[in-house]
Amino acid sequence: MSDQQGSPSGMCVKDILCGFFGRVPLLLPWAVGAILALLIGSWLVWWAMHLQRQFAEEEIRAACQRVMPETMQRCVDTVVIQRGGMRR
C-alpha cells in the first residue's frame, strides 16, 4: 500500500520534469531542421554569388577579347576595378 501512495511532492516534481522533458524531443527536430536550413540556404546564396561573379568575368573577358585582344588582361583588370570588384 505504501508503494501506491507515494509522496505528493515527489509526484509533483516527477510530473514537472516529465512535462519539461516531454517537449524536448519535439523541439530537437525543429532546431536541427532550422540549423540545416540555415546552412543550406547560406551555401546556396554563396554559390549563386560565385556563379554570378564567374559569369560576369567571362562576359568581361569576351568583350575585352573583341575590343582589345593584345591587352586583354589589362582591360579585364581595369573593368573589374571600375565595377567595384577586386582582382584576385
N, C-alpha and C. Protein backbone atom coordinates (compact mmCIF):
# COMPACT_ATOMS: atom_id res chain seq x y z
N MET A 1 0.81 -1.18 0.00
CA MET A 1 0.00 0.00 0.00
C MET A 1 0.87 1.26 0.00
N SER A 2 1.99 1.22 0.65
CA SER A 2 2.86 2.39 0.68
C SER A 2 3.47 2.64 -0.69
N ASP A 3 3.61 1.63 -1.54
CA ASP A 3 4.16 1.83 -2.88
C ASP A 3 3.21 2.64 -3.75
N GLN A 4 1.92 2.45 -3.59
CA GLN A 4 0.93 3.14 -4.42
C GLN A 4 0.71 4.57 -3.96
N GLN A 5 0.85 4.79 -2.66
CA GLN A 5 0.54 6.11 -2.12
C GLN A 5 1.60 7.13 -2.54
N GLY A 6 2.86 6.89 -2.27
CA GLY A 6 3.95 7.80 -2.60
C GLY A 6 3.76 9.16 -1.95
N SER A 7 4.71 10.01 -2.08
CA SER A 7 4.60 11.34 -1.50
C SER A 7 4.04 12.29 -2.56
N PRO A 8 3.19 13.20 -2.16
CA PRO A 8 2.62 14.13 -3.13
C PRO A 8 3.67 15.05 -3.75
N SER A 9 4.66 15.44 -2.96
CA SER A 9 5.68 16.33 -3.50
C SER A 9 6.55 15.60 -4.52
N GLY A 10 6.82 14.33 -4.33
CA GLY A 10 7.60 13.53 -5.28
C GLY A 10 6.87 13.40 -6.61
N MET A 11 5.58 13.26 -6.58
CA MET A 11 4.79 13.13 -7.80
C MET A 11 4.78 14.46 -8.56
N CYS A 12 4.70 15.54 -7.83
CA CYS A 12 4.67 16.86 -8.47
C CYS A 12 5.98 17.12 -9.21
N VAL A 13 7.11 16.82 -8.58
CA VAL A 13 8.40 17.03 -9.21
C VAL A 13 8.52 16.13 -10.44
N LYS A 14 8.06 14.90 -10.32
CA LYS A 14 8.13 13.98 -11.43
C LYS A 14 7.26 14.47 -12.60
N ASP A 15 6.07 14.98 -12.30
CA ASP A 15 5.19 15.48 -13.35
C ASP A 15 5.79 16.71 -14.02
N ILE A 16 6.42 17.59 -13.25
CA ILE A 16 7.04 18.79 -13.82
C ILE A 16 8.19 18.40 -14.74
N LEU A 17 9.04 17.47 -14.26
CA LEU A 17 10.16 17.04 -15.08
C LEU A 17 9.68 16.34 -16.34
N CYS A 18 8.69 15.50 -16.24
CA CYS A 18 8.17 14.81 -17.41
C CYS A 18 7.53 15.81 -18.38
N GLY A 19 6.86 16.82 -17.85
CA GLY A 19 6.27 17.83 -18.72
C GLY A 19 7.33 18.63 -19.45
N PHE A 20 8.43 18.95 -18.75
CA PHE A 20 9.50 19.73 -19.38
C PHE A 20 10.25 18.88 -20.41
N PHE A 21 10.69 17.70 -20.00
CA PHE A 21 11.46 16.84 -20.90
C PHE A 21 10.59 16.19 -21.96
N GLY A 22 9.31 16.20 -21.77
CA GLY A 22 8.41 15.67 -22.79
C GLY A 22 8.39 16.55 -24.02
N ARG A 23 8.68 17.84 -23.87
CA ARG A 23 8.70 18.76 -25.00
C ARG A 23 10.05 18.77 -25.72
N VAL A 24 11.11 18.32 -25.09
CA VAL A 24 12.44 18.35 -25.69
C VAL A 24 12.49 17.54 -26.99
N PRO A 25 11.95 16.34 -27.04
CA PRO A 25 12.01 15.61 -28.31
C PRO A 25 11.26 16.32 -29.44
N LEU A 26 10.28 17.14 -29.13
CA LEU A 26 9.58 17.88 -30.17
C LEU A 26 10.40 19.07 -30.66
N LEU A 27 11.16 19.69 -29.77
CA LEU A 27 11.96 20.86 -30.14
C LEU A 27 13.25 20.47 -30.86
N LEU A 28 13.79 19.33 -30.56
CA LEU A 28 15.07 18.91 -31.13
C LEU A 28 15.01 18.80 -32.66
N PRO A 29 14.03 18.13 -33.25
CA PRO A 29 13.99 18.08 -34.72
C PRO A 29 13.79 19.46 -35.35
N TRP A 30 13.03 20.31 -34.70
CA TRP A 30 12.83 21.67 -35.23
C TRP A 30 14.14 22.44 -35.21
N ALA A 31 14.90 22.32 -34.14
CA ALA A 31 16.17 23.03 -34.03
C ALA A 31 17.17 22.51 -35.06
N VAL A 32 17.26 21.20 -35.21
CA VAL A 32 18.16 20.61 -36.19
C VAL A 32 17.74 21.03 -37.60
N GLY A 33 16.45 21.00 -37.87
CA GLY A 33 15.96 21.41 -39.18
C GLY A 33 16.25 22.88 -39.47
N ALA A 34 16.09 23.73 -38.47
CA ALA A 34 16.36 25.16 -38.66
C ALA A 34 17.85 25.39 -38.93
N ILE A 35 18.71 24.70 -38.22
CA ILE A 35 20.15 24.84 -38.44
C ILE A 35 20.53 24.34 -39.82
N LEU A 36 19.98 23.19 -40.23
CA LEU A 36 20.28 22.67 -41.56
C LEU A 36 19.77 23.61 -42.65
N ALA A 37 18.57 24.16 -42.47
CA ALA A 37 18.03 25.10 -43.45
C ALA A 37 18.92 26.35 -43.55
N LEU A 38 19.41 26.82 -42.42
CA LEU A 38 20.30 27.99 -42.42
C LEU A 38 21.61 27.68 -43.14
N LEU A 39 22.18 26.53 -42.87
CA LEU A 39 23.44 26.16 -43.52
C LEU A 39 23.26 25.96 -45.02
N ILE A 40 22.23 25.24 -45.41
CA ILE A 40 21.99 25.00 -46.83
C ILE A 40 21.66 26.31 -47.54
N GLY A 41 20.84 27.14 -46.92
CA GLY A 41 20.48 28.42 -47.52
C GLY A 41 21.67 29.34 -47.70
N SER A 42 22.54 29.41 -46.69
CA SER A 42 23.72 30.28 -46.81
C SER A 42 24.68 29.73 -47.86
N TRP A 43 24.80 28.41 -47.97
CA TRP A 43 25.65 27.84 -49.00
C TRP A 43 25.08 28.14 -50.39
N LEU A 44 23.77 28.05 -50.55
CA LEU A 44 23.16 28.36 -51.84
C LEU A 44 23.35 29.82 -52.22
N VAL A 45 23.26 30.72 -51.26
CA VAL A 45 23.50 32.14 -51.54
C VAL A 45 24.95 32.35 -51.96
N TRP A 46 25.90 31.74 -51.26
CA TRP A 46 27.31 31.87 -51.62
C TRP A 46 27.55 31.32 -53.03
N TRP A 47 26.96 30.16 -53.34
CA TRP A 47 27.14 29.52 -54.63
C TRP A 47 26.57 30.40 -55.75
N ALA A 48 25.39 30.99 -55.52
CA ALA A 48 24.79 31.87 -56.52
C ALA A 48 25.66 33.10 -56.76
N MET A 49 26.21 33.67 -55.71
CA MET A 49 27.10 34.83 -55.87
C MET A 49 28.36 34.44 -56.63
N HIS A 50 28.89 33.28 -56.33
CA HIS A 50 30.09 32.79 -57.03
C HIS A 50 29.80 32.60 -58.52
N LEU A 51 28.68 31.98 -58.85
CA LEU A 51 28.32 31.79 -60.26
C LEU A 51 28.11 33.11 -60.98
N GLN A 52 27.44 34.05 -60.31
CA GLN A 52 27.20 35.36 -60.92
C GLN A 52 28.51 36.07 -61.21
N ARG A 53 29.44 36.03 -60.26
CA ARG A 53 30.74 36.66 -60.44
C ARG A 53 31.51 35.99 -61.58
N GLN A 54 31.42 34.66 -61.65
CA GLN A 54 32.12 33.92 -62.70
C GLN A 54 31.55 34.26 -64.08
N PHE A 55 30.23 34.31 -64.21
CA PHE A 55 29.63 34.65 -65.50
C PHE A 55 29.95 36.08 -65.91
N ALA A 56 29.94 36.99 -64.95
CA ALA A 56 30.27 38.39 -65.25
C ALA A 56 31.70 38.51 -65.73
N GLU A 57 32.61 37.78 -65.10
CA GLU A 57 34.01 37.83 -65.51
C GLU A 57 34.19 37.23 -66.90
N GLU A 58 33.44 36.18 -67.21
CA GLU A 58 33.53 35.60 -68.56
C GLU A 58 33.03 36.59 -69.61
N GLU A 59 31.96 37.31 -69.29
CA GLU A 59 31.44 38.32 -70.22
C GLU A 59 32.46 39.45 -70.43
N ILE A 60 33.10 39.87 -69.35
CA ILE A 60 34.11 40.93 -69.44
C ILE A 60 35.27 40.45 -70.30
N ARG A 61 35.71 39.21 -70.07
CA ARG A 61 36.83 38.67 -70.85
C ARG A 61 36.48 38.61 -72.34
N ALA A 62 35.26 38.18 -72.65
CA ALA A 62 34.85 38.09 -74.06
C ALA A 62 34.81 39.48 -74.69
N ALA A 63 34.27 40.46 -73.96
CA ALA A 63 34.20 41.82 -74.50
C ALA A 63 35.60 42.40 -74.68
N CYS A 64 36.48 42.19 -73.72
CA CYS A 64 37.85 42.70 -73.84
C CYS A 64 38.60 42.00 -74.97
N GLN A 65 38.34 40.73 -75.17
CA GLN A 65 38.98 39.99 -76.27
C GLN A 65 38.57 40.57 -77.62
N ARG A 66 37.31 40.97 -77.75
CA ARG A 66 36.84 41.55 -79.00
C ARG A 66 37.42 42.95 -79.23
N VAL A 67 37.47 43.75 -78.17
CA VAL A 67 37.87 45.15 -78.32
C VAL A 67 39.38 45.32 -78.30
N MET A 68 40.04 44.70 -77.34
CA MET A 68 41.49 44.90 -77.16
C MET A 68 42.18 43.54 -77.00
N PRO A 69 42.32 42.76 -78.06
CA PRO A 69 42.90 41.41 -77.90
C PRO A 69 44.36 41.42 -77.43
N GLU A 70 45.12 42.46 -77.78
CA GLU A 70 46.54 42.47 -77.42
C GLU A 70 46.77 42.80 -75.95
N THR A 71 45.86 43.53 -75.33
CA THR A 71 45.99 43.89 -73.90
C THR A 71 44.74 43.44 -73.13
N MET A 72 44.33 42.22 -73.37
CA MET A 72 43.08 41.71 -72.78
C MET A 72 43.13 41.70 -71.25
N GLN A 73 44.22 41.21 -70.68
CA GLN A 73 44.28 41.10 -69.22
C GLN A 73 44.22 42.47 -68.55
N ARG A 74 44.88 43.45 -69.12
CA ARG A 74 44.82 44.81 -68.57
C ARG A 74 43.41 45.37 -68.68
N CYS A 75 42.74 45.09 -69.79
CA CYS A 75 41.36 45.52 -69.97
C CYS A 75 40.45 44.87 -68.92
N VAL A 76 40.62 43.58 -68.71
CA VAL A 76 39.80 42.86 -67.71
C VAL A 76 40.02 43.45 -66.33
N ASP A 77 41.28 43.66 -65.97
CA ASP A 77 41.59 44.23 -64.65
C ASP A 77 40.96 45.61 -64.49
N THR A 78 41.05 46.43 -65.52
CA THR A 78 40.50 47.78 -65.46
C THR A 78 38.99 47.75 -65.28
N VAL A 79 38.30 46.92 -66.06
CA VAL A 79 36.84 46.86 -65.99
C VAL A 79 36.39 46.31 -64.63
N VAL A 80 37.07 45.30 -64.14
CA VAL A 80 36.71 44.72 -62.84
C VAL A 80 36.87 45.75 -61.74
N ILE A 81 37.96 46.50 -61.78
CA ILE A 81 38.19 47.53 -60.76
C ILE A 81 37.15 48.64 -60.88
N GLN A 82 36.81 49.04 -62.11
CA GLN A 82 35.82 50.09 -62.29
C GLN A 82 34.44 49.67 -61.80
N ARG A 83 34.15 48.40 -61.89
CA ARG A 83 32.85 47.90 -61.40
C ARG A 83 32.84 47.69 -59.89
N GLY A 84 33.93 47.92 -59.25
CA GLY A 84 33.96 47.81 -57.79
C GLY A 84 34.47 46.50 -57.27
N GLY A 85 34.92 45.62 -58.15
CA GLY A 85 35.46 44.34 -57.71
C GLY A 85 36.95 44.41 -57.50
N MET A 86 37.47 43.47 -56.80
CA MET A 86 38.91 43.41 -56.58
C MET A 86 39.48 42.23 -57.35
N ARG A 87 40.64 42.44 -57.88
CA ARG A 87 41.32 41.38 -58.62
C ARG A 87 41.86 40.37 -57.63
N ARG A 88 41.74 39.10 -57.94
CA ARG A 88 42.22 38.05 -57.04
C ARG A 88 43.70 37.94 -57.04
